[in-house]
Amino acid sequence: MVKVPLTVKGAEKLRAELEELKSVVRPRIVNAIATARAHGDLKENAEYHAAKEQQSFAEGRINEIEGKLSNAQIIDVTRVDAGGRVVFGATVEIENLDTEQRVIYQIVGEDEADIKENRISVGSPIARALIGKEVEDIVIVKAPAGNIEYEIIAIQYI
């Protein structure tokens, strides 16, 4: 089985979601099913069918999270000796050499990636170009619009 990389924060977030699903959502759905059953004929009972659908979705998500956590390789970037190189979990400030625009990204696992929060997947073109590089290195990212050159300004392991 392939180990899936996760940051410590990403694993904590998945565990919290799992706990919420098991302790809050699941009991609420069970109560909704019981209430809908009490209303009689199940064939034409929209509340019952909706509750069963919610139950199916919740149980699927519980299984998915449990699977991800059981196959996770949790990496604490604060304890990794990266030797000044970009590694999984690192936070990297880069500058586009054409536009001089700077941006800061954290390289995370696929499940944690959220571009709105500047967390990019380790499998993304930018992350793949950055891995293993050091401050002041120039990286070329192959984008649909063409190659983009970035300079690494800073690397943090937070």
N, C-alpha and C. Protein backbone atom coordinates (compact mmCIF):
# COMPACT_ATOMS: atom_id res chain seq x y z
N MET A 1 0.85 -1.18 0.00
CA MET A 1 0.00 0.00 0.00
C MET A 1 0.89 1.25 0.00
N VAL A 2 0.56 2.20 -0.83
CA VAL A 2 1.32 3.43 -0.96
C VAL A 2 1.00 4.36 0.20
N LYS A 3 2.04 4.88 0.85
CA LYS A 3 1.85 5.83 1.94
C LYS A 3 1.56 7.21 1.34
N VAL A 4 0.57 7.87 1.90
CA VAL A 4 0.18 9.20 1.44
C VAL A 4 0.75 10.22 2.41
N PRO A 5 1.55 11.19 1.91
CA PRO A 5 2.11 12.18 2.83
C PRO A 5 1.07 13.17 3.33
N LEU A 6 1.14 13.45 4.63
CA LEU A 6 0.26 14.43 5.28
C LEU A 6 1.10 15.25 6.25
N THR A 7 0.77 16.51 6.37
CA THR A 7 1.42 17.31 7.40
C THR A 7 0.72 17.02 8.73
N VAL A 8 1.34 17.43 9.82
CA VAL A 8 0.75 17.22 11.14
C VAL A 8 -0.61 17.93 11.22
N LYS A 9 -0.67 19.17 10.71
CA LYS A 9 -1.93 19.92 10.74
C LYS A 9 -3.00 19.25 9.88
N GLY A 10 -2.61 18.71 8.75
CA GLY A 10 -3.55 18.03 7.88
C GLY A 10 -4.13 16.79 8.54
N ALA A 11 -3.28 16.03 9.22
CA ALA A 11 -3.74 14.83 9.93
C ALA A 11 -4.68 15.21 11.07
N GLU A 12 -4.36 16.29 11.78
CA GLU A 12 -5.22 16.75 12.88
C GLU A 12 -6.59 17.17 12.34
N LYS A 13 -6.59 17.84 11.21
CA LYS A 13 -7.85 18.29 10.60
C LYS A 13 -8.71 17.09 10.19
N LEU A 14 -8.07 16.06 9.60
CA LEU A 14 -8.83 14.86 9.23
C LEU A 14 -9.36 14.14 10.46
N ARG A 15 -8.55 14.06 11.52
CA ARG A 15 -9.02 13.41 12.75
C ARG A 15 -10.20 14.16 13.35
N ALA A 16 -10.15 15.49 13.32
CA ALA A 16 -11.25 16.30 13.86
C ALA A 16 -12.52 16.08 13.04
N GLU A 17 -12.39 16.02 11.72
CA GLU A 17 -13.56 15.77 10.88
C GLU A 17 -14.13 14.39 11.16
N LEU A 18 -13.26 13.40 11.33
CA LEU A 18 -13.71 12.04 11.63
C LEU A 18 -14.46 11.99 12.95
N GLU A 19 -13.93 12.67 13.97
CA GLU A 19 -14.58 12.71 15.28
C GLU A 19 -15.95 13.38 15.18
N GLU A 20 -16.03 14.46 14.42
CA GLU A 20 -17.31 15.17 14.20
C GLU A 20 -18.33 14.25 13.52
N LEU A 21 -17.88 13.54 12.50
CA LEU A 21 -18.78 12.64 11.78
C LEU A 21 -19.29 11.52 12.69
N LYS A 22 -18.40 10.96 13.49
CA LYS A 22 -18.79 9.83 14.34
C LYS A 22 -19.61 10.24 15.55
N SER A 23 -19.28 11.37 16.17
CA SER A 23 -19.94 11.73 17.42
C SER A 23 -21.12 12.68 17.28
N VAL A 24 -21.20 13.42 16.16
CA VAL A 24 -22.28 14.39 16.00
C VAL A 24 -23.18 14.03 14.82
N VAL A 25 -22.57 13.88 13.65
CA VAL A 25 -23.35 13.69 12.43
C VAL A 25 -24.05 12.33 12.42
N ARG A 26 -23.31 11.27 12.72
CA ARG A 26 -23.89 9.92 12.69
C ARG A 26 -25.10 9.80 13.63
N PRO A 27 -24.98 10.21 14.91
CA PRO A 27 -26.16 10.12 15.81
C PRO A 27 -27.34 10.97 15.33
N ARG A 28 -27.05 12.15 14.76
CA ARG A 28 -28.13 13.00 14.26
C ARG A 28 -28.87 12.31 13.12
N ILE A 29 -28.14 11.64 12.24
CA ILE A 29 -28.77 10.94 11.12
C ILE A 29 -29.59 9.75 11.61
N VAL A 30 -29.06 9.01 12.59
CA VAL A 30 -29.79 7.87 13.16
C VAL A 30 -31.12 8.36 13.74
N ASN A 31 -31.09 9.48 14.44
CA ASN A 31 -32.34 10.04 15.00
C ASN A 31 -33.30 10.46 13.90
N ALA A 32 -32.78 11.04 12.82
CA ALA A 32 -33.63 11.47 11.71
C ALA A 32 -34.29 10.27 11.04
N ILE A 33 -33.54 9.17 10.91
CA ILE A 33 -34.11 7.95 10.32
C ILE A 33 -35.21 7.39 11.22
N ALA A 34 -34.96 7.37 12.51
CA ALA A 34 -35.95 6.86 13.46
C ALA A 34 -37.22 7.70 13.43
N THR A 35 -37.06 9.01 13.38
CA THR A 35 -38.21 9.91 13.32
C THR A 35 -39.00 9.69 12.03
N ALA A 36 -38.29 9.57 10.91
CA ALA A 36 -38.95 9.37 9.62
C ALA A 36 -39.68 8.03 9.56
N ARG A 37 -39.07 7.00 10.18
CA ARG A 37 -39.70 5.68 10.22
C ARG A 37 -41.03 5.73 10.98
N ALA A 38 -41.06 6.54 12.01
CA ALA A 38 -42.27 6.65 12.84
C ALA A 38 -43.44 7.25 12.07
N HIS A 39 -43.14 7.90 10.95
CA HIS A 39 -44.20 8.53 10.16
C HIS A 39 -44.95 7.55 9.28
N GLY A 40 -44.53 6.30 9.26
CA GLY A 40 -45.30 5.30 8.53
C GLY A 40 -44.65 4.81 7.26
N ASP A 41 -45.45 4.70 6.19
CA ASP A 41 -45.07 4.10 4.91
C ASP A 41 -43.72 4.63 4.42
N LEU A 42 -42.75 3.74 4.29
CA LEU A 42 -41.40 4.14 3.91
C LEU A 42 -41.24 4.34 2.41
N LYS A 43 -42.12 3.76 1.60
CA LYS A 43 -42.00 3.87 0.14
C LYS A 43 -42.11 5.31 -0.34
N GLU A 44 -43.00 6.06 0.26
CA GLU A 44 -43.24 7.43 -0.18
C GLU A 44 -42.82 8.45 0.88
N ASN A 45 -41.89 8.06 1.71
CA ASN A 45 -41.46 8.93 2.81
C ASN A 45 -40.16 9.64 2.41
N ALA A 46 -40.28 10.88 1.95
CA ALA A 46 -39.12 11.64 1.47
C ALA A 46 -38.10 11.89 2.59
N GLU A 47 -38.58 12.12 3.80
CA GLU A 47 -37.67 12.35 4.93
C GLU A 47 -36.79 11.13 5.18
N TYR A 48 -37.39 9.96 5.10
CA TYR A 48 -36.66 8.72 5.33
C TYR A 48 -35.59 8.53 4.26
N HIS A 49 -35.96 8.73 3.00
CA HIS A 49 -35.00 8.54 1.90
C HIS A 49 -33.87 9.57 1.97
N ALA A 50 -34.20 10.80 2.35
CA ALA A 50 -33.17 11.83 2.49
C ALA A 50 -32.21 11.48 3.63
N ALA A 51 -32.73 11.01 4.73
CA ALA A 51 -31.89 10.63 5.87
C ALA A 51 -31.00 9.44 5.52
N LYS A 52 -31.54 8.46 4.78
CA LYS A 52 -30.74 7.31 4.36
C LYS A 52 -29.62 7.74 3.41
N GLU A 53 -29.92 8.71 2.55
CA GLU A 53 -28.90 9.22 1.63
C GLU A 53 -27.79 9.94 2.42
N GLN A 54 -28.18 10.74 3.41
CA GLN A 54 -27.19 11.41 4.27
C GLN A 54 -26.34 10.38 5.01
N GLN A 55 -26.98 9.32 5.47
CA GLN A 55 -26.26 8.27 6.18
C GLN A 55 -25.22 7.62 5.26
N SER A 56 -25.61 7.35 4.05
CA SER A 56 -24.71 6.73 3.08
C SER A 56 -23.50 7.65 2.82
N PHE A 57 -23.76 8.93 2.64
CA PHE A 57 -22.69 9.89 2.40
C PHE A 57 -21.75 9.97 3.60
N ALA A 58 -22.32 10.06 4.80
CA ALA A 58 -21.51 10.18 6.02
C ALA A 58 -20.65 8.93 6.24
N GLU A 59 -21.24 7.76 6.06
CA GLU A 59 -20.48 6.52 6.25
C GLU A 59 -19.38 6.39 5.21
N GLY A 60 -19.66 6.83 3.99
CA GLY A 60 -18.64 6.81 2.94
C GLY A 60 -17.48 7.72 3.30
N ARG A 61 -17.79 8.90 3.81
CA ARG A 61 -16.74 9.85 4.20
C ARG A 61 -15.95 9.31 5.39
N ILE A 62 -16.61 8.68 6.35
CA ILE A 62 -15.91 8.08 7.50
C ILE A 62 -14.93 7.03 7.00
N ASN A 63 -15.37 6.15 6.11
CA ASN A 63 -14.49 5.12 5.56
C ASN A 63 -13.32 5.73 4.80
N GLU A 64 -13.59 6.78 4.04
CA GLU A 64 -12.55 7.45 3.26
C GLU A 64 -11.49 8.04 4.18
N ILE A 65 -11.90 8.75 5.22
CA ILE A 65 -10.96 9.38 6.16
C ILE A 65 -10.17 8.31 6.90
N GLU A 66 -10.84 7.27 7.37
CA GLU A 66 -10.13 6.20 8.08
C GLU A 66 -9.08 5.56 7.18
N GLY A 67 -9.42 5.37 5.91
CA GLY A 67 -8.46 4.81 4.96
C GLY A 67 -7.27 5.72 4.74
N LYS A 68 -7.53 7.02 4.61
CA LYS A 68 -6.45 7.98 4.40
C LYS A 68 -5.53 8.02 5.62
N LEU A 69 -6.12 8.04 6.80
CA LEU A 69 -5.30 8.10 8.01
C LEU A 69 -4.49 6.82 8.22
N SER A 70 -5.06 5.68 7.84
CA SER A 70 -4.33 4.42 8.03
C SER A 70 -3.18 4.30 7.04
N ASN A 71 -3.27 4.98 5.90
CA ASN A 71 -2.20 4.94 4.90
C ASN A 71 -1.34 6.20 4.90
N ALA A 72 -1.52 7.04 5.90
CA ALA A 72 -0.81 8.32 5.93
C ALA A 72 0.61 8.16 6.48
N GLN A 73 1.48 8.94 5.87
CA GLN A 73 2.82 9.11 6.40
C GLN A 73 2.84 10.56 6.90
N ILE A 74 2.71 10.72 8.21
CA ILE A 74 2.61 12.06 8.79
C ILE A 74 4.01 12.63 8.95
N ILE A 75 4.22 13.78 8.31
CA ILE A 75 5.54 14.40 8.29
C ILE A 75 5.48 15.71 9.07
N ASP A 76 6.32 15.80 10.09
CA ASP A 76 6.44 17.03 10.88
C ASP A 76 7.65 17.79 10.34
N VAL A 77 7.37 18.80 9.53
CA VAL A 77 8.43 19.55 8.84
C VAL A 77 9.36 20.26 9.83
N THR A 78 8.87 20.54 11.04
CA THR A 78 9.72 21.22 12.03
C THR A 78 10.82 20.30 12.54
N ARG A 79 10.68 19.00 12.33
CA ARG A 79 11.67 18.04 12.81
C ARG A 79 12.53 17.44 11.69
N VAL A 80 12.26 17.86 10.46
CA VAL A 80 13.00 17.34 9.32
C VAL A 80 14.27 18.16 9.12
N ASP A 81 15.40 17.47 8.93
CA ASP A 81 16.65 18.16 8.62
C ASP A 81 16.74 18.26 7.10
N ALA A 82 16.26 19.38 6.57
CA ALA A 82 16.18 19.55 5.12
C ALA A 82 17.43 20.18 4.54
N GLY A 83 18.31 20.67 5.38
CA GLY A 83 19.54 21.26 4.88
C GLY A 83 19.32 22.47 4.00
N GLY A 84 18.29 23.24 4.28
CA GLY A 84 18.04 24.46 3.51
C GLY A 84 17.37 24.22 2.17
N ARG A 85 16.90 23.03 1.95
CA ARG A 85 16.23 22.69 0.69
C ARG A 85 14.71 22.67 0.87
N VAL A 86 14.00 22.82 -0.24
CA VAL A 86 12.54 22.73 -0.23
C VAL A 86 12.16 21.26 -0.11
N VAL A 87 11.35 20.95 0.89
CA VAL A 87 10.86 19.59 1.11
C VAL A 87 9.36 19.64 1.36
N PHE A 88 8.75 18.45 1.41
CA PHE A 88 7.33 18.37 1.74
C PHE A 88 7.07 19.07 3.07
N GLY A 89 6.05 19.92 3.11
CA GLY A 89 5.69 20.63 4.33
C GLY A 89 6.33 22.00 4.45
N ALA A 90 7.35 22.27 3.65
CA ALA A 90 8.04 23.56 3.74
C ALA A 90 7.14 24.68 3.22
N THR A 91 7.36 25.87 3.75
CA THR A 91 6.69 27.07 3.28
C THR A 91 7.72 27.86 2.48
N VAL A 92 7.38 28.16 1.23
CA VAL A 92 8.35 28.73 0.29
C VAL A 92 7.83 30.05 -0.26
N GLU A 93 8.68 31.07 -0.21
CA GLU A 93 8.35 32.35 -0.85
C GLU A 93 9.08 32.38 -2.18
N ILE A 94 8.32 32.62 -3.25
CA ILE A 94 8.91 32.68 -4.57
C ILE A 94 8.51 33.98 -5.26
N GLU A 95 9.33 34.37 -6.24
CA GLU A 95 9.05 35.58 -7.01
C GLU A 95 9.05 35.25 -8.48
N ASN A 96 7.99 35.65 -9.16
CA ASN A 96 7.90 35.49 -10.60
C ASN A 96 8.88 36.48 -11.22
N LEU A 97 9.84 35.99 -12.00
CA LEU A 97 10.88 36.86 -12.54
C LEU A 97 10.37 37.81 -13.62
N ASP A 98 9.25 37.49 -14.27
CA ASP A 98 8.70 38.37 -15.29
C ASP A 98 7.87 39.49 -14.67
N THR A 99 7.03 39.17 -13.70
CA THR A 99 6.11 40.15 -13.12
C THR A 99 6.59 40.73 -11.80
N GLU A 100 7.62 40.13 -11.22
CA GLU A 100 8.15 40.50 -9.90
C GLU A 100 7.12 40.33 -8.79
N GLN A 101 6.08 39.55 -9.07
CA GLN A 101 5.06 39.26 -8.06
C GLN A 101 5.58 38.15 -7.15
N ARG A 102 5.42 38.37 -5.83
CA ARG A 102 5.85 37.37 -4.85
C ARG A 102 4.64 36.66 -4.27
N VAL A 103 4.82 35.38 -3.97
CA VAL A 103 3.76 34.59 -3.36
C VAL A 103 4.41 33.57 -2.43
N ILE A 104 3.67 33.21 -1.39
CA ILE A 104 4.16 32.22 -0.42
C ILE A 104 3.25 31.01 -0.48
N TYR A 105 3.85 29.83 -0.66
CA TYR A 105 3.11 28.57 -0.70
C TYR A 105 3.66 27.60 0.33
N GLN A 106 2.77 26.78 0.90
CA GLN A 106 3.20 25.64 1.69
C GLN A 106 2.93 24.40 0.85
N ILE A 107 3.90 23.51 0.78
CA ILE A 107 3.75 22.29 0.00
C ILE A 107 3.17 21.21 0.91
N VAL A 108 1.98 20.72 0.55
CA VAL A 108 1.24 19.78 1.39
C VAL A 108 0.75 18.60 0.56
N GLY A 109 0.09 17.65 1.23
CA GLY A 109 -0.49 16.50 0.55
C GLY A 109 -1.70 16.89 -0.28
N GLU A 110 -2.11 16.00 -1.17
CA GLU A 110 -3.23 16.29 -2.06
C GLU A 110 -4.51 16.65 -1.31
N ASP A 111 -4.78 15.96 -0.20
CA ASP A 111 -6.02 16.21 0.55
C ASP A 111 -6.01 17.53 1.29
N GLU A 112 -4.84 18.08 1.50
CA GLU A 112 -4.72 19.33 2.26
C GLU A 112 -4.65 20.55 1.36
N ALA A 113 -4.39 20.36 0.08
CA ALA A 113 -4.19 21.46 -0.84
C ALA A 113 -5.41 22.37 -0.88
N ASP A 114 -5.15 23.67 -0.81
CA ASP A 114 -6.20 24.68 -0.88
C ASP A 114 -5.54 25.97 -1.35
N ILE A 115 -5.71 26.29 -2.61
CA ILE A 115 -5.02 27.44 -3.20
C ILE A 115 -5.44 28.75 -2.53
N LYS A 116 -6.66 28.81 -2.00
CA LYS A 116 -7.12 30.02 -1.31
C LYS A 116 -6.30 30.29 -0.05
N GLU A 117 -5.76 29.22 0.54
CA GLU A 117 -4.94 29.35 1.74
C GLU A 117 -3.45 29.16 1.41
N ASN A 118 -3.12 29.24 0.12
CA ASN A 118 -1.74 29.12 -0.37
C ASN A 118 -1.08 27.81 0.02
N ARG A 119 -1.87 26.74 0.04
CA ARG A 119 -1.33 25.41 0.28
C ARG A 119 -1.46 24.64 -1.03
N ILE A 120 -0.32 24.25 -1.60
CA ILE A 120 -0.34 23.56 -2.89
C ILE A 120 0.06 22.10 -2.73
N SER A 121 -0.51 21.26 -3.57
CA SER A 121 -0.23 19.82 -3.54
C SER A 121 1.20 19.54 -3.96
N VAL A 122 1.79 18.56 -3.28
CA VAL A 122 3.15 18.14 -3.60
C VAL A 122 3.24 17.65 -5.05
N GLY A 123 2.13 17.27 -5.64
CA GLY A 123 2.12 16.81 -7.02
C GLY A 123 1.89 17.90 -8.05
N SER A 124 1.68 19.14 -7.60
CA SER A 124 1.43 20.24 -8.54
C SER A 124 2.72 20.60 -9.28
N PRO A 125 2.59 21.19 -10.47
CA PRO A 125 3.79 21.55 -11.23
C PRO A 125 4.75 22.49 -10.47
N ILE A 126 4.20 23.45 -9.73
CA ILE A 126 5.07 24.37 -8.98
C ILE A 126 5.81 23.61 -7.90
N ALA A 127 5.10 22.80 -7.12
CA ALA A 127 5.75 22.06 -6.04
C ALA A 127 6.81 21.11 -6.58
N ARG A 128 6.50 20.41 -7.66
CA ARG A 128 7.49 19.48 -8.24
C ARG A 128 8.74 20.22 -8.67
N ALA A 129 8.57 21.45 -9.19
CA ALA A 129 9.73 22.23 -9.61
C ALA A 129 10.54 22.72 -8.41
N LEU A 130 9.86 22.98 -7.29
CA LEU A 130 10.54 23.54 -6.12
C LEU A 130 11.26 22.50 -5.26
N ILE A 131 10.74 21.27 -5.20
CA ILE A 131 11.30 20.24 -4.31
C ILE A 131 12.79 20.05 -4.60
N GLY A 132 13.56 20.11 -3.52
CA GLY A 132 15.00 19.88 -3.61
C GLY A 132 15.82 21.12 -3.90
N LYS A 133 15.16 22.24 -4.19
CA LYS A 133 15.89 23.47 -4.52
C LYS A 133 16.18 24.26 -3.25
N GLU A 134 17.05 25.29 -3.38
CA GLU A 134 17.47 26.12 -2.26
C GLU A 134 17.16 27.59 -2.54
N VAL A 135 17.34 28.43 -1.51
CA VAL A 135 17.14 29.87 -1.65
C VAL A 135 18.08 30.39 -2.75
N GLU A 136 17.55 31.30 -3.57
CA GLU A 136 18.20 31.94 -4.71
C GLU A 136 18.26 31.05 -5.95
N ASP A 137 17.79 29.81 -5.86
CA ASP A 137 17.71 28.98 -7.06
C ASP A 137 16.60 29.50 -7.96
N ILE A 138 16.79 29.36 -9.26
CA ILE A 138 15.77 29.71 -10.24
C ILE A 138 15.12 28.40 -10.68
N VAL A 139 13.78 28.38 -10.65
CA VAL A 139 13.05 27.19 -11.09
C VAL A 139 12.16 27.56 -12.27
N ILE A 140 11.99 26.62 -13.16
CA ILE A 140 11.13 26.82 -14.32
C ILE A 140 9.93 25.90 -14.17
N VAL A 141 8.75 26.52 -14.17
CA VAL A 141 7.50 25.78 -14.03
C VAL A 141 6.84 25.72 -15.40
N LYS A 142 6.56 24.51 -15.84
CA LYS A 142 5.89 24.33 -17.13
C LYS A 142 4.39 24.51 -16.91
N ALA A 143 3.86 25.60 -17.43
CA ALA A 143 2.44 25.92 -17.28
C ALA A 143 1.78 25.86 -18.65
N PRO A 144 0.44 25.75 -18.69
CA PRO A 144 -0.25 25.70 -19.99
C PRO A 144 0.05 26.93 -20.87
N ALA A 145 0.27 28.08 -20.23
CA ALA A 145 0.55 29.30 -20.99
C ALA A 145 2.02 29.41 -21.37
N GLY A 146 2.83 28.45 -20.97
CA GLY A 146 4.26 28.49 -21.26
C GLY A 146 5.08 28.39 -19.99
N ASN A 147 6.38 28.40 -20.15
CA ASN A 147 7.26 28.28 -18.99
C ASN A 147 7.30 29.57 -18.19
N ILE A 148 7.29 29.42 -16.85
CA ILE A 148 7.35 30.57 -15.94
C ILE A 148 8.57 30.37 -15.05
N GLU A 149 9.38 31.41 -14.94
CA GLU A 149 10.57 31.34 -14.10
C GLU A 149 10.30 32.01 -12.75
N TYR A 150 10.69 31.30 -11.70
CA TYR A 150 10.57 31.81 -10.34
C TYR A 150 11.92 31.74 -9.66
N GLU A 151 12.15 32.69 -8.75
CA GLU A 151 13.32 32.63 -7.88
C GLU A 151 12.83 32.34 -6.48
N ILE A 152 13.53 31.43 -5.80
CA ILE A 152 13.18 31.11 -4.42
C ILE A 152 13.76 32.19 -3.53
N ILE A 153 12.92 32.88 -2.79
CA ILE A 153 13.32 33.99 -1.93
C ILE A 153 13.58 33.50 -0.52
N ALA A 154 12.71 32.64 0.01
CA ALA A 154 12.87 32.15 1.39
C ALA A 154 12.21 30.79 1.53
N ILE A 155 12.75 30.00 2.49
CA ILE A 155 12.20 28.70 2.81
C ILE A 155 12.05 28.65 4.33
N GLN A 156 10.87 28.25 4.80
CA GLN A 156 10.63 28.10 6.24
C GLN A 156 10.10 26.71 6.51
N TYR A 157 10.45 26.20 7.67
CA TYR A 157 9.99 24.89 8.11
C TYR A 157 9.14 25.08 9.36
N ILE A 158 7.89 25.54 9.15
CA ILE A 158 7.01 25.87 10.27
C ILE A 158 5.79 24.99 10.29
